[in-house]
Amino acid sequence: MIQLVERVTATSLVPRFSSTEEQMAARLTSLGKKLEAMVTGLSGTQTSIGEASRALENVIKSHLQDWEEISSGLKKIDQTMKQGFRL
């Protein structure tokens, strides 16, 4: 039984899972290309996030200016009403 397991291992399993230098080099080359593509994609994503961040900052600044104008207008309305009703 043990000899049969050894024979199957030697004739089937070891050749199936062993790699030659050429196969390993091809795998490393493929992994390198995939890694390069991922880094390029991450760089593009980082640029997009930076642009979105700047756009969001501009929107927030614009809204803050609008709120300041609204607040100022409400204060004027409050003062006018107090003067009108002599509160």
N, C-alpha and C. Protein backbone atom coordinates (compact mmCIF):
# COMPACT_ATOMS: atom_id res chain seq x y z
N MET A 1 0.82 -1.19 0.00
CA MET A 1 0.00 0.00 0.00
C MET A 1 0.86 1.26 0.00
N ILE A 2 1.88 1.26 0.85
CA ILE A 2 2.76 2.42 0.94
C ILE A 2 3.52 2.61 -0.37
N GLN A 3 3.96 1.52 -0.99
CA GLN A 3 4.66 1.62 -2.27
C GLN A 3 3.74 2.21 -3.34
N LEU A 4 2.47 1.83 -3.31
CA LEU A 4 1.52 2.36 -4.28
C LEU A 4 1.34 3.87 -4.09
N VAL A 5 1.23 4.32 -2.85
CA VAL A 5 1.10 5.74 -2.56
C VAL A 5 2.35 6.49 -3.02
N GLU A 6 3.54 5.93 -2.76
CA GLU A 6 4.78 6.54 -3.19
C GLU A 6 4.86 6.62 -4.71
N ARG A 7 4.44 5.58 -5.41
CA ARG A 7 4.49 5.56 -6.86
C ARG A 7 3.54 6.61 -7.44
N VAL A 8 2.32 6.69 -6.90
CA VAL A 8 1.36 7.69 -7.39
C VAL A 8 1.89 9.09 -7.11
N THR A 9 2.46 9.27 -5.96
CA THR A 9 3.02 10.57 -5.61
C THR A 9 4.15 10.94 -6.57
N ALA A 10 5.04 10.00 -6.82
CA ALA A 10 6.20 10.27 -7.66
C ALA A 10 5.81 10.46 -9.13
N THR A 11 4.84 9.71 -9.61
CA THR A 11 4.50 9.78 -11.04
C THR A 11 3.43 10.81 -11.36
N SER A 12 2.55 11.13 -10.43
CA SER A 12 1.44 12.03 -10.73
C SER A 12 1.49 13.35 -9.98
N LEU A 13 1.61 13.27 -8.68
CA LEU A 13 1.49 14.48 -7.86
C LEU A 13 2.71 15.40 -7.97
N VAL A 14 3.89 14.87 -7.86
CA VAL A 14 5.09 15.70 -7.89
C VAL A 14 5.22 16.41 -9.24
N PRO A 15 5.07 15.73 -10.37
CA PRO A 15 5.16 16.46 -11.65
C PRO A 15 4.08 17.53 -11.82
N ARG A 16 2.90 17.24 -11.31
CA ARG A 16 1.80 18.20 -11.46
C ARG A 16 2.08 19.49 -10.70
N PHE A 17 2.68 19.40 -9.52
CA PHE A 17 2.87 20.58 -8.68
C PHE A 17 4.29 21.14 -8.70
N SER A 18 5.17 20.53 -9.44
CA SER A 18 6.53 21.08 -9.52
C SER A 18 6.58 22.12 -10.63
N SER A 19 7.51 23.04 -10.48
CA SER A 19 7.64 24.12 -11.45
C SER A 19 9.06 24.18 -11.98
N THR A 20 9.17 24.54 -13.25
CA THR A 20 10.49 24.75 -13.82
C THR A 20 10.88 26.21 -13.60
N GLU A 21 12.13 26.51 -13.88
CA GLU A 21 12.60 27.89 -13.72
C GLU A 21 11.86 28.81 -14.68
N GLU A 22 11.58 28.31 -15.88
CA GLU A 22 10.87 29.13 -16.86
C GLU A 22 9.45 29.44 -16.39
N GLN A 23 8.80 28.43 -15.79
CA GLN A 23 7.44 28.66 -15.29
C GLN A 23 7.45 29.67 -14.14
N MET A 24 8.43 29.54 -13.26
CA MET A 24 8.52 30.48 -12.14
C MET A 24 8.82 31.89 -12.65
N ALA A 25 9.69 32.00 -13.64
CA ALA A 25 10.01 33.32 -14.19
C ALA A 25 8.77 33.93 -14.85
N ALA A 26 8.01 33.10 -15.57
CA ALA A 26 6.79 33.59 -16.21
C ALA A 26 5.77 34.04 -15.16
N ARG A 27 5.65 33.28 -14.09
CA ARG A 27 4.72 33.66 -13.02
C ARG A 27 5.15 34.98 -12.37
N LEU A 28 6.46 35.13 -12.12
CA LEU A 28 6.95 36.36 -11.51
C LEU A 28 6.74 37.55 -12.45
N THR A 29 6.95 37.34 -13.73
CA THR A 29 6.72 38.41 -14.70
C THR A 29 5.25 38.81 -14.71
N SER A 30 4.38 37.81 -14.69
CA SER A 30 2.94 38.08 -14.67
C SER A 30 2.54 38.82 -13.40
N LEU A 31 3.07 38.38 -12.27
CA LEU A 31 2.78 39.06 -11.01
C LEU A 31 3.29 40.50 -11.02
N GLY A 32 4.47 40.70 -11.60
CA GLY A 32 5.02 42.06 -11.70
C GLY A 32 4.14 42.96 -12.53
N LYS A 33 3.64 42.44 -13.65
CA LYS A 33 2.75 43.24 -14.51
C LYS A 33 1.44 43.56 -13.80
N LYS A 34 0.91 42.59 -13.09
CA LYS A 34 -0.33 42.82 -12.34
C LYS A 34 -0.12 43.86 -11.25
N LEU A 35 1.00 43.78 -10.57
CA LEU A 35 1.33 44.74 -9.52
C LEU A 35 1.48 46.15 -10.10
N GLU A 36 2.13 46.24 -11.24
CA GLU A 36 2.29 47.54 -11.91
C GLU A 36 0.94 48.13 -12.29
N ALA A 37 0.04 47.28 -12.79
CA ALA A 37 -1.31 47.75 -13.15
C ALA A 37 -2.06 48.22 -11.92
N MET A 38 -1.92 47.51 -10.82
CA MET A 38 -2.59 47.91 -9.58
C MET A 38 -2.07 49.25 -9.08
N VAL A 39 -0.76 49.45 -9.13
CA VAL A 39 -0.16 50.71 -8.68
C VAL A 39 -0.63 51.86 -9.55
N THR A 40 -0.70 51.63 -10.86
CA THR A 40 -1.18 52.65 -11.78
C THR A 40 -2.63 53.01 -11.46
N GLY A 41 -3.45 51.98 -11.21
CA GLY A 41 -4.85 52.21 -10.85
C GLY A 41 -4.98 52.98 -9.55
N LEU A 42 -4.15 52.64 -8.57
CA LEU A 42 -4.19 53.34 -7.29
C LEU A 42 -3.77 54.80 -7.45
N SER A 43 -2.82 55.04 -8.31
CA SER A 43 -2.37 56.41 -8.56
C SER A 43 -3.51 57.23 -9.16
N GLY A 44 -4.23 56.64 -10.12
CA GLY A 44 -5.38 57.33 -10.71
C GLY A 44 -6.47 57.58 -9.70
N THR A 45 -6.69 56.61 -8.83
CA THR A 45 -7.71 56.75 -7.79
C THR A 45 -7.32 57.86 -6.82
N GLN A 46 -6.05 57.91 -6.47
CA GLN A 46 -5.57 58.96 -5.55
C GLN A 46 -5.78 60.34 -6.16
N THR A 47 -5.52 60.46 -7.45
CA THR A 47 -5.73 61.74 -8.14
C THR A 47 -7.20 62.11 -8.12
N SER A 48 -8.07 61.15 -8.38
CA SER A 48 -9.51 61.40 -8.37
C SER A 48 -9.99 61.82 -6.99
N ILE A 49 -9.47 61.18 -5.97
CA ILE A 49 -9.86 61.52 -4.60
C ILE A 49 -9.41 62.94 -4.27
N GLY A 50 -8.22 63.32 -4.71
CA GLY A 50 -7.73 64.68 -4.48
C GLY A 50 -8.61 65.71 -5.16
N GLU A 51 -9.01 65.44 -6.39
CA GLU A 51 -9.88 66.36 -7.12
C GLU A 51 -11.24 66.46 -6.44
N ALA A 52 -11.78 65.33 -6.02
CA ALA A 52 -13.08 65.34 -5.33
C ALA A 52 -12.98 66.10 -4.01
N SER A 53 -11.88 65.95 -3.33
CA SER A 53 -11.67 66.66 -2.06
C SER A 53 -11.65 68.17 -2.27
N ARG A 54 -10.95 68.61 -3.31
CA ARG A 54 -10.90 70.05 -3.59
C ARG A 54 -12.28 70.58 -3.99
N ALA A 55 -13.02 69.81 -4.78
CA ALA A 55 -14.36 70.23 -5.18
C ALA A 55 -15.28 70.32 -3.97
N LEU A 56 -15.17 69.35 -3.07
CA LEU A 56 -15.99 69.37 -1.85
C LEU A 56 -15.62 70.56 -0.97
N GLU A 57 -14.36 70.86 -0.88
CA GLU A 57 -13.91 72.02 -0.09
C GLU A 57 -14.50 73.31 -0.66
N ASN A 58 -14.52 73.44 -1.98
CA ASN A 58 -15.09 74.64 -2.61
C ASN A 58 -16.59 74.74 -2.34
N VAL A 59 -17.29 73.62 -2.39
CA VAL A 59 -18.73 73.62 -2.11
C VAL A 59 -18.99 74.03 -0.67
N ILE A 60 -18.20 73.51 0.24
CA ILE A 60 -18.37 73.85 1.66
C ILE A 60 -18.11 75.34 1.89
N LYS A 61 -17.07 75.87 1.27
CA LYS A 61 -16.79 77.30 1.42
C LYS A 61 -17.95 78.14 0.88
N SER A 62 -18.49 77.73 -0.25
CA SER A 62 -19.62 78.45 -0.84
C SER A 62 -20.83 78.41 0.09
N HIS A 63 -21.11 77.25 0.65
CA HIS A 63 -22.25 77.13 1.56
C HIS A 63 -22.05 77.94 2.83
N LEU A 64 -20.82 77.98 3.32
CA LEU A 64 -20.55 78.78 4.51
C LEU A 64 -20.79 80.26 4.24
N GLN A 65 -20.40 80.72 3.07
CA GLN A 65 -20.65 82.12 2.71
C GLN A 65 -22.16 82.37 2.63
N ASP A 66 -22.90 81.41 2.04
CA ASP A 66 -24.36 81.55 1.96
C ASP A 66 -24.97 81.61 3.35
N TRP A 67 -24.51 80.76 4.26
CA TRP A 67 -25.05 80.74 5.62
C TRP A 67 -24.74 82.05 6.35
N GLU A 68 -23.56 82.60 6.10
CA GLU A 68 -23.23 83.87 6.73
C GLU A 68 -24.17 84.98 6.24
N GLU A 69 -24.47 84.97 4.95
CA GLU A 69 -25.40 85.97 4.40
C GLU A 69 -26.80 85.77 4.98
N ILE A 70 -27.24 84.53 5.08
CA ILE A 70 -28.56 84.24 5.65
C ILE A 70 -28.61 84.67 7.11
N SER A 71 -27.56 84.36 7.85
CA SER A 71 -27.50 84.74 9.26
C SER A 71 -27.55 86.25 9.42
N SER A 72 -26.80 86.95 8.59
CA SER A 72 -26.80 88.40 8.64
C SER A 72 -28.20 88.95 8.32
N GLY A 73 -28.84 88.38 7.31
CA GLY A 73 -30.20 88.81 6.96
C GLY A 73 -31.19 88.57 8.08
N LEU A 74 -31.06 87.42 8.76
CA LEU A 74 -31.97 87.12 9.88
C LEU A 74 -31.75 88.09 11.04
N LYS A 75 -30.50 88.48 11.27
CA LYS A 75 -30.22 89.45 12.33
C LYS A 75 -30.87 90.79 12.01
N LYS A 76 -30.79 91.20 10.74
CA LYS A 76 -31.42 92.46 10.34
C LYS A 76 -32.93 92.39 10.49
N ILE A 77 -33.51 91.27 10.12
CA ILE A 77 -34.97 91.09 10.28
C ILE A 77 -35.34 91.13 11.75
N ASP A 78 -34.54 90.49 12.60
CA ASP A 78 -34.80 90.49 14.04
C ASP A 78 -34.73 91.90 14.59
N GLN A 79 -33.72 92.67 14.20
CA GLN A 79 -33.59 94.06 14.68
C GLN A 79 -34.77 94.91 14.19
N THR A 80 -35.15 94.73 12.94
CA THR A 80 -36.26 95.50 12.39
C THR A 80 -37.56 95.19 13.13
N MET A 81 -37.78 93.91 13.42
CA MET A 81 -39.00 93.53 14.12
C MET A 81 -38.99 94.08 15.56
N LYS A 82 -37.84 94.07 16.20
CA LYS A 82 -37.78 94.60 17.55
C LYS A 82 -38.04 96.08 17.55
N GLN A 83 -37.53 96.80 16.55
CA GLN A 83 -37.78 98.23 16.46
C GLN A 83 -39.24 98.49 16.11
N GLY A 84 -39.81 97.67 15.22
CA GLY A 84 -41.19 97.87 14.79
C GLY A 84 -42.18 97.60 15.90
N PHE A 85 -41.89 96.59 16.72
CA PHE A 85 -42.80 96.26 17.82
C PHE A 85 -42.33 96.86 19.13
N ARG A 86 -41.23 97.59 19.07
CA ARG A 86 -40.64 98.26 20.25
C ARG A 86 -40.42 97.29 21.42
N LEU A 87 -39.73 96.18 21.07
CA LEU A 87 -39.46 95.18 22.10
C LEU A 87 -38.18 95.46 22.83
